[in-house]
Protein backbone atom coordinates (compact mmCIF):
# COMPACT_ATOMS: atom_id res chain seq x y z
CA MET A 1 175.70 206.12 19.38
CA ASP A 2 175.29 205.47 22.59
CA LEU A 3 171.45 205.48 23.36
CA ALA A 4 171.96 205.14 27.40
CA ARG A 5 173.31 209.51 26.87
CA LYS A 6 170.78 210.44 23.91
CA LYS A 7 167.73 212.65 25.35
CA TYR A 8 164.50 213.09 23.12
CA THR A 9 162.73 216.19 23.68
CA THR A 10 160.11 215.22 21.21
CA ILE A 11 157.04 214.25 24.14
CA SER A 12 153.93 215.38 22.25
CA TYR A 13 151.58 214.93 24.53
CA VAL A 14 150.51 213.49 27.97
CA SER A 15 147.00 211.27 28.10
CA GLY A 16 146.31 210.26 31.54
CA PRO A 17 149.24 207.42 32.65
CA LEU A 18 150.86 207.81 29.03
CA LEU A 19 153.82 209.63 27.29
CA PHE A 20 153.40 209.85 23.66
CA VAL A 21 157.49 210.35 22.77
CA GLU A 22 158.08 211.58 18.34
CA LYS A 23 160.66 209.82 16.40
CA ALA A 24 161.95 207.78 19.43
CA LYS A 25 161.95 204.20 17.71
CA ASP A 26 165.41 203.61 18.64
CA LEU A 27 163.70 202.41 22.20
CA SER A 28 162.72 199.04 22.22
CA PHE A 29 160.01 197.41 23.80
CA ASN A 30 159.64 197.27 27.65
CA SER A 31 162.57 198.92 27.72
CA LEU A 32 162.99 201.24 31.35
CA VAL A 33 163.33 204.79 30.76
CA ASN A 34 163.94 208.14 32.86
CA ILE A 35 162.04 211.42 32.16
CA HIS A 36 163.84 214.70 33.17
CA LEU A 37 161.79 217.48 33.84
CA PRO A 38 162.53 220.85 34.13
CA ASP A 39 163.51 221.47 37.86
CA GLY A 40 165.74 218.38 37.89
CA SER A 41 163.70 215.59 38.82
CA VAL A 42 163.93 212.35 37.45
CA ARG A 43 160.52 209.93 37.01
CA GLY A 44 160.51 206.32 35.85
CA GLY A 45 159.11 205.16 32.98
CA GLN A 46 158.55 201.90 30.80
CA THR A 47 158.26 201.77 26.90
CA ILE A 48 155.04 199.73 26.55
CA GLU A 49 154.49 200.52 22.45
CA VAL A 50 156.82 201.66 19.45
CA SER A 51 156.66 202.11 16.01
CA GLU A 52 157.92 204.56 13.26
CA HIS A 53 156.51 207.35 14.00
CA HIS A 54 156.33 207.32 18.14
CA ALA A 55 156.43 206.19 21.49
CA VAL A 56 153.83 205.17 24.34
CA ILE A 57 155.68 205.20 27.66
CA GLN A 58 154.01 204.55 30.60
CA VAL A 59 155.10 206.58 34.01
CA PHE A 60 155.92 205.26 36.96
CA GLU A 61 154.82 207.75 39.17
CA GLU A 62 152.35 210.35 38.45
CA THR A 63 152.46 212.38 35.14
CA ARG A 64 151.20 216.16 36.65
CA GLY A 65 153.90 218.15 36.47
CA ILE A 66 155.27 217.37 33.17
CA ASP A 67 156.11 219.84 30.74
CA ILE A 68 156.21 218.43 27.43
CA ALA A 69 158.34 221.55 26.09
CA LYS A 70 160.83 221.10 28.33
CA SER A 71 160.91 217.12 29.64
CA SER A 72 162.96 215.02 28.11
CA VAL A 73 163.65 211.03 27.87
CA SER A 74 166.37 208.77 28.67
CA LEU A 75 167.23 205.32 28.08
CA ARG A 76 167.60 203.91 31.46
CA GLU A 77 167.87 200.09 30.13
CA ASP A 78 166.75 197.87 27.05
CA VAL A 79 164.60 195.68 29.02
CA ALA A 80 162.92 195.85 32.30
CA ARG A 81 165.17 193.44 34.91
CA LEU A 82 165.30 192.61 38.03
CA GLY A 83 168.84 191.87 40.05
CA VAL A 84 168.18 188.15 42.04
CA SER A 85 169.99 186.76 44.61
CA LYS A 86 169.28 184.16 47.07
CA GLU A 87 169.68 187.15 50.21
CA MET A 88 166.25 187.70 48.96
CA ILE A 89 164.80 184.96 51.25
CA GLY A 90 162.92 187.12 54.86
CA ARG A 91 163.08 190.52 52.61
CA ARG A 92 160.44 192.97 51.31
CA PHE A 93 160.49 194.38 48.22
CA ASN A 94 158.49 196.84 46.31
CA GLY A 95 156.26 196.04 42.72
CA LEU A 96 159.82 196.64 41.30
CA GLY A 97 161.71 195.04 43.56
CA GLU A 98 163.44 197.36 45.58
CA PRO A 99 164.05 197.22 49.31
CA ILE A 100 160.84 198.66 51.30
CA ASP A 101 161.84 197.04 54.58
CA GLY A 102 164.67 199.58 55.53
CA LEU A 103 167.62 196.94 54.55
CA PRO A 104 170.13 197.64 52.34
CA GLN A 105 170.02 196.74 48.56
CA ILE A 106 170.80 193.34 47.34
CA ILE A 107 174.28 192.61 46.28
CA PRO A 108 172.89 191.05 42.74
CA GLU A 109 174.27 187.47 41.81
CA ALA A 110 172.36 188.55 38.44
CA ARG A 111 170.35 190.45 36.59
CA LYS A 112 167.93 188.90 34.44
CA ALA A 113 164.68 190.32 32.13
CA ILE A 114 161.15 190.34 34.29
CA ILE A 115 159.94 188.59 31.33
CA GLY A 116 161.51 185.45 31.90
CA SER A 117 162.27 182.96 29.04
CA PRO A 118 160.23 180.81 27.27
CA ILE A 119 159.99 177.12 28.39
CA ASN A 120 160.13 174.55 25.73
CA PRO A 121 157.30 171.92 26.11
CA THR A 122 159.50 169.09 25.51
CA SER A 123 162.00 170.06 28.69
CA ARG A 124 159.03 170.57 30.43
CA ALA A 125 158.62 167.82 33.83
CA LYS A 126 155.26 165.75 34.85
CA PRO A 127 154.01 167.63 38.29
CA GLU A 128 153.71 165.12 40.70
CA GLU A 129 154.86 165.77 43.93
CA PHE A 130 152.51 166.34 46.50
CA ILE A 131 152.82 169.84 48.50
CA GLN A 132 151.13 169.83 52.15
CA THR A 133 149.12 173.00 52.68
CA GLY A 134 148.18 171.84 55.78
CA ILE A 135 144.30 173.19 54.83
CA SER A 136 142.70 169.87 54.57
CA SER A 137 140.49 171.26 51.70
CA ILE A 138 143.03 171.40 49.60
CA ASP A 139 145.50 168.12 50.71
CA GLY A 140 142.36 165.98 50.82
CA PHE A 141 140.50 167.02 48.16
CA ASN A 142 142.09 169.02 45.41
CA THR A 143 145.21 168.01 46.12
CA LEU A 144 148.38 170.75 45.19
CA VAL A 145 151.20 169.44 43.11
CA ARG A 146 155.20 170.72 42.44
CA GLY A 147 155.05 172.75 39.01
CA GLN A 148 151.17 173.01 39.24
CA LYS A 149 149.52 176.64 38.81
CA LEU A 150 146.42 176.52 41.26
CA PRO A 151 144.33 179.14 41.83
CA ILE A 152 141.40 180.26 44.50
CA PHE A 153 138.51 181.87 43.27
CA SER A 154 137.59 184.66 46.24
CA GLY A 155 134.75 187.23 46.43
CA ALA A 156 134.55 190.42 48.16
CA GLY A 157 134.44 190.33 51.76
CA LEU A 158 135.95 186.60 51.46
CA PRO A 159 138.87 185.73 53.32
CA GLY A 160 141.19 184.78 49.76
CA ASN A 161 143.46 186.63 51.72
CA GLU A 162 143.84 185.10 54.79
CA ILE A 163 143.54 181.84 53.44
CA ALA A 164 147.24 182.75 51.06
CA ALA A 165 148.91 184.02 54.47
CA GLN A 166 147.59 180.67 56.10
CA ILE A 167 149.67 178.77 53.06
CA VAL A 168 152.43 180.76 53.24
CA ARG A 169 152.83 179.75 56.84
CA GLN A 170 151.71 175.91 56.66
CA ALA A 171 152.96 175.26 53.54
CA LYS A 172 155.56 172.31 52.94
CA VAL A 173 157.25 169.62 50.99
CA LEU A 174 157.82 166.17 53.01
CA GLY A 175 161.16 165.22 52.99
CA GLU A 176 164.19 166.89 55.79
CA GLN A 177 166.56 167.12 52.22
CA GLU A 178 164.08 169.21 50.41
CA GLU A 179 164.97 172.87 50.27
CA PHE A 180 161.62 175.14 50.22
CA ALA A 181 160.43 178.66 49.91
CA VAL A 182 157.29 181.40 49.32
CA VAL A 183 157.31 184.19 46.84
CA PHE A 184 154.62 186.23 47.85
CA ALA A 185 153.50 188.79 45.34
CA ALA A 186 150.80 190.87 46.40
CA MET A 187 148.96 193.90 43.67
CA GLY A 188 146.90 196.56 44.09
CA ILE A 189 146.38 196.04 48.07
CA THR A 190 145.12 198.19 50.76
CA HIS A 191 147.81 199.41 53.36
CA ARG A 192 145.49 197.66 55.41
CA GLU A 193 145.87 194.50 53.25
CA ALA A 194 149.94 195.68 53.72
CA SER A 195 150.04 195.60 57.32
CA PHE A 196 148.05 192.55 57.51
CA PHE A 197 150.25 190.22 55.90
CA ILE A 198 153.45 192.12 57.22
CA HIS A 199 152.36 191.40 60.95
CA GLU A 200 151.69 187.89 59.83
CA PHE A 201 154.33 186.94 58.14
CA GLU A 202 156.76 187.71 60.71
CA SER A 203 154.79 187.14 64.16
CA THR A 204 154.23 183.40 62.94
CA GLY A 205 158.08 183.39 61.32
CA ALA A 206 157.28 182.86 57.92
CA LEU A 207 159.25 185.59 56.68
CA SER A 208 162.07 183.59 56.80
CA LYS A 209 161.37 181.36 54.37
CA THR A 210 159.52 183.83 52.24
CA VAL A 211 160.29 187.11 49.28
CA VAL A 212 157.30 189.11 49.54
CA PHE A 213 156.77 192.22 46.65
CA LEU A 214 154.12 194.47 47.68
CA ASN A 215 151.98 196.94 44.99
CA LYS A 216 150.09 198.75 47.22
CA ALA A 217 146.83 200.39 45.79
CA ASP A 218 148.16 203.78 45.38
CA ASP A 219 150.82 202.73 43.60
CA PRO A 220 152.01 203.19 40.25
CA THR A 221 148.89 201.48 37.65
CA ILE A 222 151.96 200.05 35.50
CA GLU A 223 153.74 198.44 38.60
CA ARG A 224 151.19 196.20 39.02
CA LEU A 225 151.77 194.54 36.11
CA LEU A 226 155.68 194.06 36.81
CA THR A 227 155.09 193.07 39.82
CA PRO A 228 154.18 189.25 39.24
CA ARG A 229 156.80 189.13 36.81
CA CYS A 230 158.93 190.19 39.12
CA ALA A 231 158.26 187.49 42.01
CA LEU A 232 158.42 185.18 39.20
CA THR A 233 161.74 186.06 38.22
CA CYS A 234 162.83 185.93 41.55
CA ALA A 235 161.01 182.15 41.75
CA GLU A 236 162.99 181.20 38.98
CA HIS A 237 166.56 182.00 39.54
CA LEU A 238 165.69 180.41 43.62
CA ALA A 239 164.75 177.17 41.53
CA TYR A 240 167.01 176.74 38.72
CA GLU A 241 169.91 177.90 40.09
CA HIS A 242 169.42 177.07 43.90
CA ASP A 243 167.80 174.13 43.30
CA TYR A 244 164.81 175.38 45.96
CA HIS A 245 161.10 174.18 45.39
CA VAL A 246 159.19 177.43 45.22
CA LEU A 247 155.42 178.21 45.88
CA VAL A 248 154.49 181.67 44.60
CA ILE A 249 151.62 183.42 45.90
CA LEU A 250 149.70 185.85 43.53
CA THR A 251 147.22 187.99 45.01
CA ASP A 252 145.01 189.73 43.77
CA MET A 253 145.39 188.93 40.24
CA THR A 254 141.36 191.13 39.62
CA ASN A 255 143.58 193.91 40.48
CA TYR A 256 146.27 193.04 37.76
CA CYS A 257 143.51 192.52 35.18
CA GLU A 258 142.14 195.95 36.00
CA ALA A 259 145.43 197.53 35.88
CA LEU A 260 145.57 196.40 32.29
CA ARG A 261 142.05 197.54 31.37
CA GLU A 262 143.15 200.66 32.37
CA ILE A 263 145.89 201.59 30.52
CA GLY A 264 144.38 199.80 27.40
CA THR A 265 141.83 202.03 27.74
CA ALA A 266 144.52 205.25 28.11
CA ARG A 267 146.26 203.24 24.56
CA GLU A 268 142.41 204.12 22.96
CA GLU A 269 142.52 200.06 22.22
CA ILE A 270 139.33 198.13 21.13
CA PRO A 271 138.22 197.00 23.88
CA GLY A 272 137.15 192.83 24.08
CA ARG A 273 134.83 191.74 26.89
CA ARG A 274 133.39 194.00 29.44
CA GLY A 275 136.31 195.78 28.41
CA TYR A 276 139.01 193.86 29.25
CA PRO A 277 141.57 194.05 26.27
CA GLY A 278 141.11 190.74 24.05
CA TYR A 279 144.46 190.24 24.25
CA MET A 280 144.60 189.61 27.96
CA TYR A 281 144.19 185.51 27.95
CA THR A 282 148.01 185.60 26.26
CA ASP A 283 148.79 188.46 29.09
CA LEU A 284 147.43 185.90 31.87
CA ALA A 285 149.54 182.70 30.07
CA THR A 286 152.95 184.23 30.09
CA ILE A 287 152.71 184.32 33.93
CA TYR A 288 150.60 180.99 34.64
CA GLU A 289 152.60 179.55 32.15
CA ARG A 290 155.99 180.31 33.85
CA ALA A 291 155.09 177.66 36.56
CA GLY A 292 156.94 174.04 36.53
CA ARG A 293 159.15 171.84 36.20
CA ILE A 294 162.10 171.02 34.26
CA HIS A 295 164.20 168.29 33.50
CA GLY A 296 167.47 167.83 34.52
CA ARG A 297 166.51 170.52 37.40
CA LYS A 298 166.00 169.83 41.23
CA GLY A 299 164.11 172.92 41.32
CA SER A 300 159.77 173.82 40.55
CA ILE A 301 157.76 176.38 40.56
CA THR A 302 154.37 175.75 42.35
CA GLN A 303 151.52 178.72 41.63
CA ILE A 304 148.52 179.64 43.71
CA PRO A 305 147.04 182.95 41.62
CA ILE A 306 144.06 184.39 43.72
CA LEU A 307 141.01 186.40 42.19
CA THR A 308 138.62 188.27 43.34
CA MET A 309 135.33 187.59 41.20
CA PRO A 310 133.10 189.80 40.92
CA ASP A 311 129.52 189.51 41.66
CA ASP A 312 130.72 186.28 42.56
CA ASP A 313 130.16 185.40 39.18
CA ILE A 314 132.64 182.58 37.95
CA THR A 315 132.06 183.12 34.55
CA HIS A 316 133.49 186.42 34.57
CA PRO A 317 136.47 187.06 31.64
CA ILE A 318 139.06 186.47 34.50
CA ALA A 319 138.14 183.87 36.06
CA ASP A 320 137.12 182.53 32.96
CA LEU A 321 140.44 182.74 31.15
CA THR A 322 142.43 181.82 34.57
CA GLY A 323 140.49 178.57 34.45
CA TYR A 324 141.26 177.59 30.73
CA ILE A 325 145.02 178.43 31.49
CA THR A 326 145.59 177.26 35.22
CA GLU A 327 144.99 173.24 35.79
CA GLY A 328 141.74 173.43 38.26
CA GLN A 329 140.49 176.37 41.20
CA LEU A 330 139.94 176.23 45.00
CA VAL A 331 136.45 177.87 45.04
CA LEU A 332 135.08 180.05 48.45
CA SER A 333 131.88 179.39 49.37
CA ARG A 334 130.01 183.05 50.72
CA GLN A 335 127.42 180.45 52.43
CA LEU A 336 129.95 178.53 54.21
CA HIS A 337 131.29 182.02 55.06
CA ARG A 338 127.80 182.76 56.40
CA MET A 339 128.03 180.23 59.11
CA GLY A 340 131.94 181.08 60.36
CA TYR A 341 133.24 177.87 58.81
CA THR A 342 136.97 178.90 58.12
CA PRO A 343 138.32 178.39 55.38
CA PRO A 344 134.95 178.40 53.47
CA ILE A 345 136.31 176.30 50.82
CA ASP A 346 133.87 174.51 48.77
CA ILE A 347 135.15 171.63 47.51
CA LEU A 348 132.03 170.67 45.02
CA PRO A 349 133.09 173.23 42.60
CA SER A 350 136.92 173.09 43.28
CA LEU A 351 139.61 170.72 41.59
CA SER A 352 142.56 170.21 41.01
CA ARG A 353 143.30 168.48 37.67
CA LEU A 354 146.68 167.06 38.41
CA MET A 355 145.36 165.54 41.94
CA ASN A 356 146.28 161.66 40.42
CA ASN A 357 149.98 162.76 40.14
CA GLY A 358 150.69 163.34 43.37
CA ILE A 359 148.26 160.79 45.95
CA GLY A 360 148.61 157.32 46.45
CA GLU A 361 151.56 155.21 47.87
CA GLY A 362 154.41 157.06 47.61
CA HIS A 363 153.00 160.31 47.46
CA THR A 364 150.75 160.48 50.57
CA ARG A 365 148.55 157.18 51.04
CA ASP A 366 147.37 154.17 48.97
CA ASP A 367 143.76 154.97 50.48
CA HIS A 368 144.02 158.64 49.27
CA ARG A 369 141.87 158.43 46.03
CA GLU A 370 139.44 156.24 47.10
CA TRP A 371 139.19 158.13 50.33
CA ALA A 372 138.23 161.07 48.31
CA ASN A 373 135.75 159.61 46.38
CA GLN A 374 133.64 158.20 48.89
CA LEU A 375 134.06 161.61 51.08
CA TYR A 376 133.05 163.31 48.16
CA ALA A 377 129.67 161.76 47.25
CA ALA A 378 128.81 161.37 50.39
CA TYR A 379 128.98 164.68 51.18
CA ALA A 380 127.14 166.07 47.77
CA GLY A 381 124.55 163.72 48.33
CA GLY A 382 124.11 165.62 51.61
CA ARG A 383 124.14 168.91 50.05
CA ASP A 384 121.50 167.39 47.57
CA LEU A 385 119.41 166.28 50.26
CA ARG A 386 119.19 169.92 51.99
CA LYS A 387 117.26 171.31 49.09
CA LEU A 388 114.80 168.16 49.36
CA VAL A 389 114.38 169.37 53.01
CA ALA A 390 113.41 173.10 52.33
CA ILE A 391 110.40 171.46 50.26
CA ILE A 392 109.21 168.17 51.68
CA GLY A 393 110.58 168.52 55.40
CA GLU A 394 112.97 166.33 57.52
CA GLU A 395 110.54 164.41 58.54
CA ALA A 396 109.34 163.29 55.33
CA LEU A 397 112.81 161.48 54.76
CA THR A 398 114.00 157.80 55.22
CA LEU A 399 116.58 156.89 57.46
CA ARG A 400 119.28 156.73 54.99
CA ASP A 401 118.44 160.17 53.85
CA ARG A 402 119.11 161.05 57.44
CA MET A 403 122.34 159.58 57.65
CA TYR A 404 123.72 161.18 54.55
CA LEU A 405 121.88 164.41 55.80
CA LYS A 406 123.62 164.46 59.15
CA PHE A 407 127.04 163.35 57.53
CA ALA A 408 127.01 166.38 55.60
CA ASP A 409 126.62 168.51 58.39
CA GLU A 410 129.38 167.27 60.42
CA PHE A 411 131.94 167.35 57.25
CA GLU A 412 131.60 171.19 57.25
CA LYS A 413 131.77 171.53 61.07
CA GLN A 414 135.16 169.27 61.50
CA MET A 415 137.00 168.67 58.02
CA ILE A 416 136.34 171.90 56.17
CA ASN A 417 136.07 173.90 59.38
CA GLN A 418 139.57 173.68 60.90
CA GLY A 419 140.17 177.32 61.89
CA ASN A 420 144.08 178.15 61.70
CA THR A 421 145.13 174.69 62.92
CA ASP A 422 147.60 172.97 60.47
CA ARG A 423 146.86 169.37 59.36
CA SER A 424 149.18 166.86 58.17
CA ILE A 425 147.35 165.20 55.58
CA PHE A 426 147.34 161.89 57.37
CA GLU A 427 145.39 163.94 59.82
CA THR A 428 142.98 164.56 57.38
CA LEU A 429 142.63 161.25 56.20
CA SER A 430 142.74 159.67 59.33
CA LEU A 431 139.17 162.52 59.86
CA GLY A 432 137.72 161.30 57.04
CA TRP A 433 137.63 158.13 58.19
CA GLU A 434 136.14 159.08 61.52
CA LEU A 435 133.35 160.96 59.71
CA LEU A 436 132.98 157.90 57.53
CA SER A 437 131.63 155.79 60.39
CA TYR A 438 128.23 158.37 59.84
CA LEU A 439 127.76 155.88 57.10
CA PRO A 440 127.55 151.94 57.85
CA GLU A 441 129.83 149.32 55.23
CA ARG A 442 126.97 148.93 53.21
CA GLU A 443 127.12 152.22 51.85
CA LEU A 444 130.76 152.66 51.33
CA LYS A 445 130.82 151.76 47.74
CA ARG A 446 133.45 153.48 46.43
CA VAL A 447 136.45 151.49 49.06
CA SER A 448 137.52 148.68 47.98
CA ARG A 449 136.95 145.88 50.88
CA ASP A 450 140.76 146.13 52.35
CA LYS A 451 140.71 149.35 52.40
CA ILE A 452 137.24 149.48 54.97
CA LYS A 453 138.91 146.79 56.83
CA LYS A 454 142.33 148.51 57.37
CA TYR A 455 140.65 151.89 57.97
CA TYR A 456 137.19 152.28 58.56
CA VAL A 457 136.29 152.80 62.15
CA PRO A 458 132.88 151.60 63.12
CA GLY A 459 131.53 154.14 65.37
CA MET A 460 127.58 155.55 64.88
CA GLU A 461 125.83 152.13 62.96
CA ASP A 462 124.24 151.38 66.18
CA PHE A 463 122.84 154.45 66.56
CA TRP A 464 121.21 154.71 63.06
CA LYS A 465 120.17 150.86 63.89
CA GLU A 466 118.39 152.03 67.22
CA ARG A 467 116.86 154.54 65.43
CA ASN A 468 115.91 152.24 62.91
CA ALA A 469 114.19 150.09 65.63
CA ALA A 470 111.95 153.61 66.90
CA GLY A 471 110.22 153.53 63.92
CA LEU A 472 112.05 155.79 61.06
CA ARG A 473 111.26 155.17 57.90
CA GLY A 474 114.61 152.72 56.88
């Protein structure tokens, strides 16, 4: 029987965005269907569950107006697929991969299933090439490497989207022969946020190297679940068929997980932590694990998922599970944001587990690891002293403590607070050595003597000697 022509008229009932069809076991999981209404209109849907007795269909549009006695369902495609092509670069699509930029449909080079193909672990290559984002807090202390998945943990009101747009605008690989592209997928964003991204990409010229997938807040819930998979399918085609190094930015994964919970509730599933489905870890892994490099292929896929932590809770299930799957995190600080520092990335709780693979001689510079260790330790010491000052006052501090307190202030003002400027990794390294001049050489215990001799720029030691001579405690 030709299933494409068969129509199922056994719709039993509608529950929220779901349609239940009896005796439709011929439909396959993840297949796309058409829903034919009595007035001749057609709506789309996807099969999300199939059993001996019924099939459950998630309707793309609203379910209002569906007459279950007079409507029918037919198969459109056995599995959700996306037509992919190199010509997608510079274009804008909705969450289903349909053009929304007023230009014609692309001519696909292939139609690929959006669920992707599993990557054999033995075929994965080690991520180790440096990607420059132009943001010092990332490049210097939480370095991004090709093939890594490094999420940004944001909070309500924090500029996670602005940082995403800045990364899209500035990201590059070092090397003129490398082809680089960005795939940007936004899920559940407002019209204001969509306008911001479109204006940002067009005004800065970033759109010429970017493929944009936009799912807005008033778009269907099921489309929100398909958006990252469509984006990653496009990224895989560019990376493994056209040898692009692709940076995939997914925002906001919290909206994605909320959609997952909404559909789970409509299906009357038994909830897990805080009402989210028990399979959310597995579902997120099917997205995050599509990043990486493959032996024998020149291209790579690097991911930066962005999520909003409810109540700034890093132990929330979405942030918690994302941290398990990915290789680190970039945490935004509400305190730095209130102080007006941009981008407000707090390097202390942030981490890039693959940083050591992509820095050092041949990648960035030979002093990078020791440089980062020394600056991190000095900044952490200054931050701890702020808590002490709140108790005993600054007058009770020793000269050495005051040096570290001053260093922490200058580190935030100069290194973290870079605004929208694009800094190369070498500008970041030079700035770090200038900041270390606030400390005398004897305090640089995490840097080798040859690196100090080569890069250290004395500047403030005479100032602190004068303060010491004036009678301050040393």
